Amino acid sequence: MQNRRNFLKQAGLLLAGGLVAPQLLTACGGKANTNAAATAAEAATTATKNIGLQLYSLRDMINKEGIQKVLEVVAKMGYKNLENANYDKGKIYGLDPADFKKRVEDLGMKCMSAHLGQEYSKEKASEVMTWWDQAIEAHRTLGVKYMIQPWMATNDKTTLDDIKMYCDYFSQVGQKAKAAGIIFGYHNHDFEFRKIDNQLIYDFLLDNVDKDSVCFEMDVYWVQHGGGDPVAYLKNRPDQFKVIHIKDEKEIGASGKMNFEPIFNQMYANGIQDWFVEVEQYSNNDPVASVQQSYDFLNNAAYVK
């Protein structure tokens, strides 16, 4: 299965024992569309629900056609909230944060969240935290509510002490982000559902971060794929999950493997308002069609508010 995990490996960004570098995608610029107001108006007539999108879903289109074109396409589909997947040296998709924010808002959308990360080791702690200082300032300007670390590398030699180091690292970043008015969090895949010394990695993370400074963005597909129960986690830890990735094997609702209704019901019971569609694979090798199909499925689902 081609997923973010394999993508990062192929991109040479997976660093044993550390975290991924931030350049998840090639940054693309592009001039702001002079018809942004018309696009926003068209989107307003289409959208009936507050559905978000992780822009990683259209990563290849971003590389080929630039971020402005992708923003226009996404706005026309009806998506309202965005989560970025590109940060590098103070830039968002190659743009100044204020410029990117304006482009998004001119199209009637909001930039709510961002995926980014930095390799960590105790020897590089000072350098890493300086990197986060700049990243936090850029995302404060962007106006995001969340900054999410989307990866933590493990291997067969990883110990619970290594995981505890990551917990302490996330907690320190979370405290910095909190001081800037941003919520820092961690996004799971399926590898967190293996055990080290009879301890489930995911539960260990949940138990050992600073709960006042670190939230979790649950990827419901990867939780289930790893053997966990998304609804049970939401019920049992309502204070730790603040934001959700709605994901399926390919397009949302297409596999028949995911029962989204109880997930949404529990999300709403927990008061969770922020969630994003993420599509990593495409049935017909057509990312735009897959992202549109996912929007339509959720927009037509009676249980989605």
Protein backbone atom coordinates (compact mmCIF):
# COMPACT_ATOMS: atom_id res chain seq x y z
CA MET A 1 0.00 0.00 0.00
CA GLN A 2 1.34 3.40 -0.97
CA ASN A 3 0.90 5.61 2.07
CA ARG A 4 2.57 8.51 3.82
CA ARG A 5 4.94 6.07 5.52
CA ASN A 6 6.18 4.66 2.20
CA PHE A 7 6.18 8.10 0.62
CA LEU A 8 8.51 9.43 3.29
CA LYS A 9 10.81 6.45 2.91
CA GLN A 10 10.95 6.90 -0.84
CA ALA A 11 11.62 10.60 -0.44
CA GLY A 12 14.60 9.86 1.75
CA LEU A 13 13.05 11.62 4.71
CA LEU A 14 12.76 8.69 7.09
CA LEU A 15 15.62 8.90 9.56
CA ALA A 16 16.15 5.94 11.84
CA GLY A 17 15.49 6.81 15.45
CA GLY A 18 14.32 10.34 14.64
CA LEU A 19 11.54 12.35 13.06
CA VAL A 20 10.95 13.32 9.48
CA ALA A 21 12.29 16.47 7.96
CA PRO A 22 9.70 19.06 7.04
CA GLN A 23 9.98 19.06 3.27
CA LEU A 24 7.11 16.63 2.66
CA LEU A 25 6.29 18.12 -0.71
CA THR A 26 7.96 20.29 -3.30
CA ALA A 27 7.02 23.87 -2.54
CA CYS A 28 5.16 25.58 -5.35
CA GLY A 29 4.25 29.20 -5.68
CA GLY A 30 2.09 30.77 -8.33
CA LYS A 31 0.25 34.04 -8.68
CA ALA A 32 -3.02 34.52 -6.84
CA ASN A 33 -6.00 33.98 -9.07
CA THR A 34 -7.77 37.21 -9.93
CA ASN A 35 -11.03 35.26 -10.03
CA ALA A 36 -10.72 34.17 -6.39
CA ALA A 37 -13.91 35.97 -5.40
CA ALA A 38 -15.88 34.18 -8.10
CA THR A 39 -14.40 30.84 -7.03
CA ALA A 40 -15.32 31.53 -3.40
CA ALA A 41 -18.85 32.47 -4.39
CA GLU A 42 -19.22 29.27 -6.40
CA ALA A 43 -17.90 27.24 -3.46
CA ALA A 44 -20.35 28.93 -1.11
CA THR A 45 -23.28 27.74 -3.22
CA THR A 46 -21.87 24.18 -3.28
CA ALA A 47 -20.81 23.64 0.31
CA THR A 48 -23.39 22.67 2.87
CA LYS A 49 -21.12 21.14 5.53
CA ASN A 50 -17.89 22.17 7.21
CA ILE A 51 -15.67 19.51 5.60
CA GLY A 52 -11.87 19.81 5.81
CA LEU A 53 -9.08 18.46 3.60
CA GLN A 54 -5.48 17.50 4.23
CA LEU A 55 -3.69 18.92 1.18
CA TYR A 56 -1.35 15.93 1.09
CA SER A 57 -4.27 14.29 -0.73
CA LEU A 58 -3.38 16.36 -3.83
CA ARG A 59 0.40 16.29 -3.44
CA ASP A 60 1.15 15.34 -7.05
CA MET A 61 -1.09 18.07 -8.42
CA ILE A 62 0.64 20.58 -6.16
CA ASN A 63 3.98 19.52 -7.61
CA LYS A 64 2.78 19.72 -11.19
CA GLU A 65 0.38 22.67 -11.22
CA GLY A 66 1.23 24.71 -8.14
CA ILE A 67 -0.56 25.42 -4.91
CA GLN A 68 -2.78 28.22 -6.25
CA LYS A 69 -4.45 25.94 -8.80
CA VAL A 70 -5.02 23.29 -6.12
CA LEU A 71 -6.56 25.81 -3.74
CA GLU A 72 -8.99 26.91 -6.45
CA VAL A 73 -9.98 23.32 -7.26
CA VAL A 74 -10.48 22.44 -3.59
CA ALA A 75 -12.59 25.55 -2.97
CA LYS A 76 -14.86 24.72 -5.91
CA MET A 77 -15.38 21.22 -4.54
CA GLY A 78 -16.77 22.74 -1.35
CA TYR A 79 -14.04 22.06 1.22
CA LYS A 80 -13.93 24.74 3.89
CA ASN A 81 -10.99 23.93 6.18
CA LEU A 82 -7.47 23.02 5.14
CA GLU A 83 -4.56 21.22 6.72
CA ASN A 84 -1.18 21.88 5.10
CA ALA A 85 1.59 19.37 4.47
CA ASN A 86 4.45 21.66 3.50
CA TYR A 87 6.68 23.89 5.60
CA ASP A 88 10.28 24.89 4.96
CA LYS A 89 12.37 27.73 6.38
CA GLY A 90 9.49 30.02 7.23
CA LYS A 91 7.56 29.35 4.00
CA ILE A 92 4.27 27.55 3.39
CA TYR A 93 4.25 25.91 -0.04
CA GLY A 94 7.02 28.34 -0.93
CA LEU A 95 4.95 31.37 0.09
CA ASP A 96 5.14 33.79 2.98
CA PRO A 97 2.59 32.67 5.59
CA ALA A 98 0.57 35.89 5.31
CA ASP A 99 0.40 35.49 1.52
CA PHE A 100 -0.73 31.88 1.77
CA LYS A 101 -3.34 32.77 4.38
CA LYS A 102 -4.77 35.51 2.14
CA ARG A 103 -4.99 33.18 -0.85
CA VAL A 104 -6.88 30.60 1.20
CA GLU A 105 -9.25 33.13 2.74
CA ASP A 106 -9.89 34.88 -0.58
CA LEU A 107 -11.29 31.53 -1.75
CA GLY A 108 -13.63 31.30 1.23
CA MET A 109 -11.60 28.72 3.16
CA LYS A 110 -9.58 28.65 6.38
CA CYS A 111 -6.15 27.21 7.07
CA MET A 112 -6.77 25.37 10.34
CA SER A 113 -3.86 22.99 10.75
CA ALA A 114 -0.43 22.01 9.47
CA HIS A 115 1.73 18.90 9.34
CA LEU A 116 5.42 19.46 9.94
CA GLY A 117 8.25 17.90 11.89
CA GLN A 118 11.93 17.81 12.59
CA GLU A 119 14.42 15.07 13.28
CA TYR A 120 15.34 14.97 16.96
CA SER A 121 18.23 13.76 19.04
CA LYS A 122 19.52 14.96 22.37
CA GLU A 123 22.73 16.08 20.66
CA LYS A 124 20.75 18.34 18.30
CA ALA A 125 18.23 19.56 20.86
CA SER A 126 19.20 23.22 20.72
CA GLU A 127 19.21 23.30 16.90
CA VAL A 128 15.89 21.50 16.72
CA MET A 129 14.18 23.83 19.16
CA THR A 130 15.47 26.86 17.26
CA TRP A 131 13.88 25.35 14.14
CA TRP A 132 10.60 25.00 16.01
CA ASP A 133 10.77 28.61 17.20
CA GLN A 134 10.82 29.78 13.58
CA ALA A 135 8.14 27.28 12.55
CA ILE A 136 5.84 28.33 15.37
CA GLU A 137 6.21 31.99 14.46
CA ALA A 138 5.41 31.24 10.80
CA HIS A 139 2.30 29.29 11.75
CA ARG A 140 1.22 31.94 14.23
CA THR A 141 1.23 34.35 11.29
CA LEU A 142 -0.65 31.78 9.23
CA GLY A 143 -3.28 31.64 11.95
CA VAL A 144 -3.53 27.88 12.35
CA LYS A 145 -5.19 26.28 15.34
CA TYR A 146 -3.01 23.15 15.22
CA MET A 147 0.54 22.13 14.38
CA ILE A 148 0.78 18.36 14.00
CA GLN A 149 3.85 16.12 13.92
CA PRO A 150 2.91 13.44 11.37
CA TRP A 151 5.60 10.84 11.96
CA MET A 152 7.84 9.20 14.50
CA ALA A 153 10.33 6.65 13.24
CA THR A 154 10.75 3.35 15.02
CA ASN A 155 12.56 0.13 14.20
CA ASP A 156 13.17 -3.28 15.73
CA LYS A 157 15.74 -1.81 18.13
CA THR A 158 13.52 0.98 19.45
CA THR A 159 13.10 0.85 23.22
CA LEU A 160 10.56 2.36 25.57
CA ASP A 161 13.28 4.80 26.61
CA ASP A 162 13.41 5.97 22.99
CA ILE A 163 9.64 6.43 22.94
CA LYS A 164 9.84 8.31 26.24
CA MET A 165 12.41 10.62 24.65
CA TYR A 166 9.92 11.37 21.89
CA CYS A 167 7.23 12.02 24.49
CA ASP A 168 9.47 14.52 26.25
CA TYR A 169 10.37 16.10 22.91
CA PHE A 170 6.73 16.44 21.88
CA SER A 171 5.92 17.90 25.29
CA GLN A 172 8.61 20.55 24.96
CA VAL A 173 7.41 21.52 21.48
CA GLY A 174 3.85 21.53 22.75
CA GLN A 175 4.72 23.96 25.52
CA LYS A 176 6.36 26.29 23.01
CA ALA A 177 3.35 26.11 20.69
CA LYS A 178 0.90 26.65 23.53
CA ALA A 179 2.71 29.84 24.51
CA ALA A 180 2.04 31.08 20.96
CA GLY A 181 -1.63 30.15 21.11
CA ILE A 182 -1.30 27.01 18.96
CA ILE A 183 -2.19 23.42 19.86
CA PHE A 184 0.59 20.93 19.10
CA GLY A 185 -0.27 17.32 18.38
CA TYR A 186 0.83 13.96 17.05
CA HIS A 187 -0.71 12.04 14.12
CA ASN A 188 -0.60 8.25 14.15
CA HIS A 189 -0.09 5.58 11.52
CA ASP A 190 -0.43 1.85 12.22
CA PHE A 191 3.06 1.10 13.56
CA GLU A 192 2.12 2.62 16.93
CA PHE A 193 -0.06 -0.45 17.47
CA ARG A 194 2.83 -2.82 17.95
CA LYS A 195 4.22 -3.55 21.38
CA ILE A 196 7.58 -2.91 23.01
CA ASP A 197 8.14 -4.81 26.26
CA ASN A 198 4.43 -5.65 26.24
CA GLN A 199 3.52 -1.94 26.03
CA LEU A 200 1.48 -0.69 23.09
CA ILE A 201 3.41 2.24 21.60
CA TYR A 202 0.26 4.31 21.06
CA ASP A 203 -0.94 3.92 24.64
CA PHE A 204 2.54 4.69 25.92
CA LEU A 205 2.57 7.94 23.92
CA LEU A 206 -0.89 8.89 25.18
CA ASP A 207 0.15 8.19 28.77
CA ASN A 208 3.54 9.89 28.77
CA VAL A 209 3.21 13.19 26.93
CA ASP A 210 2.33 16.38 28.78
CA LYS A 211 -1.43 16.16 28.36
CA ASP A 212 -1.83 19.91 28.84
CA SER A 213 0.50 20.66 25.93
CA VAL A 214 0.13 17.78 23.46
CA CYS A 215 -3.04 16.58 21.76
CA PHE A 216 -3.51 13.70 19.33
CA GLU A 217 -4.85 13.79 15.79
CA MET A 218 -6.43 10.38 15.34
CA ASP A 219 -6.19 8.86 11.88
CA VAL A 220 -9.18 6.54 12.14
CA TYR A 221 -8.14 4.30 9.26
CA TRP A 222 -4.64 3.66 10.59
CA VAL A 223 -5.98 3.02 14.10
CA GLN A 224 -8.32 0.36 12.74
CA HIS A 225 -5.68 -1.03 10.35
CA GLY A 226 -3.31 -1.40 13.29
CA GLY A 227 -5.88 -3.35 15.28
CA GLY A 228 -7.33 -0.57 17.41
CA ASP A 229 -10.88 0.69 17.80
CA PRO A 230 -11.26 4.38 16.91
CA VAL A 231 -14.57 4.73 18.78
CA ALA A 232 -13.19 3.11 21.93
CA TYR A 233 -10.20 5.43 21.94
CA LEU A 234 -12.46 8.45 21.55
CA LYS A 235 -14.68 7.23 24.38
CA ASN A 236 -11.83 6.36 26.72
CA ARG A 237 -9.64 9.41 26.13
CA PRO A 238 -12.02 12.25 25.24
CA ASP A 239 -9.64 14.97 26.44
CA GLN A 240 -6.65 13.91 24.37
CA PHE A 241 -8.13 13.69 20.86
CA LYS A 242 -8.81 17.17 19.50
CA VAL A 243 -8.66 16.69 15.73
CA ILE A 244 -9.40 13.74 13.43
CA HIS A 245 -8.29 12.38 10.06
CA ILE A 246 -11.19 10.79 8.23
CA LYS A 247 -9.55 8.26 5.97
CA ASP A 248 -10.35 5.06 4.12
CA GLU A 249 -8.26 2.64 2.10
CA LYS A 250 -8.78 4.90 -0.90
CA GLU A 251 -11.77 7.23 -1.34
CA ILE A 252 -13.87 7.83 1.76
CA GLY A 253 -16.61 5.21 1.98
CA ALA A 254 -15.42 3.20 -1.02
CA SER A 255 -13.78 0.21 0.67
CA GLY A 256 -16.69 -0.83 2.89
CA LYS A 257 -14.15 -1.51 5.63
CA MET A 258 -14.76 1.67 7.63
CA ASN A 259 -17.97 2.33 9.55
CA PHE A 260 -17.83 6.10 9.81
CA GLU A 261 -21.21 6.73 11.44
CA PRO A 262 -20.26 5.66 15.00
CA ILE A 263 -16.96 7.50 14.63
CA PHE A 264 -18.74 10.75 13.78
CA ASN A 265 -21.31 10.17 16.51
CA GLN A 266 -18.56 9.79 19.09
CA MET A 267 -16.63 12.75 17.68
CA TYR A 268 -19.67 14.96 18.13
CA ALA A 269 -20.33 13.53 21.60
CA ASN A 270 -16.77 14.52 22.51
CA GLY A 271 -17.25 18.01 21.11
CA ILE A 272 -14.69 17.52 18.32
CA GLN A 273 -15.24 20.05 15.56
CA ASP A 274 -12.00 19.86 13.57
CA TRP A 275 -11.47 17.01 11.12
CA PHE A 276 -9.91 16.53 7.72
CA VAL A 277 -10.34 14.14 4.82
CA GLU A 278 -7.12 12.51 3.69
CA VAL A 279 -6.89 10.40 0.54
CA GLU A 280 -3.60 8.57 0.04
CA GLN A 281 -4.54 6.20 -2.81
CA TYR A 282 -6.84 6.62 -5.79
CA SER A 283 -9.00 3.99 -7.48
CA ASN A 284 -8.53 5.34 -11.00
CA ASN A 285 -5.23 7.18 -10.53
CA ASP A 286 -7.21 10.43 -10.48
CA PRO A 287 -6.55 12.32 -7.22
CA VAL A 288 -8.99 15.14 -8.02
CA ALA A 289 -11.84 12.72 -8.71
CA SER A 290 -11.02 10.76 -5.56
CA VAL A 291 -10.97 13.86 -3.38
CA GLN A 292 -14.27 15.02 -4.93
CA GLN A 293 -15.82 11.57 -4.39
CA SER A 294 -14.76 11.69 -0.74
CA TYR A 295 -16.33 15.11 -0.29
CA ASP A 296 -19.58 13.98 -1.94
CA PHE A 297 -19.81 10.89 0.25
CA LEU A 298 -19.49 12.91 3.46
CA ASN A 299 -21.65 15.76 2.23
CA ASN A 300 -24.43 13.27 1.52
CA ALA A 301 -24.03 11.34 4.78
CA ALA A 302 -26.88 12.13 7.17
CA TYR A 303 -24.64 11.59 10.22
CA VAL A 304 -22.16 14.30 9.13
CA LYS A 305 -23.15 17.73 10.39
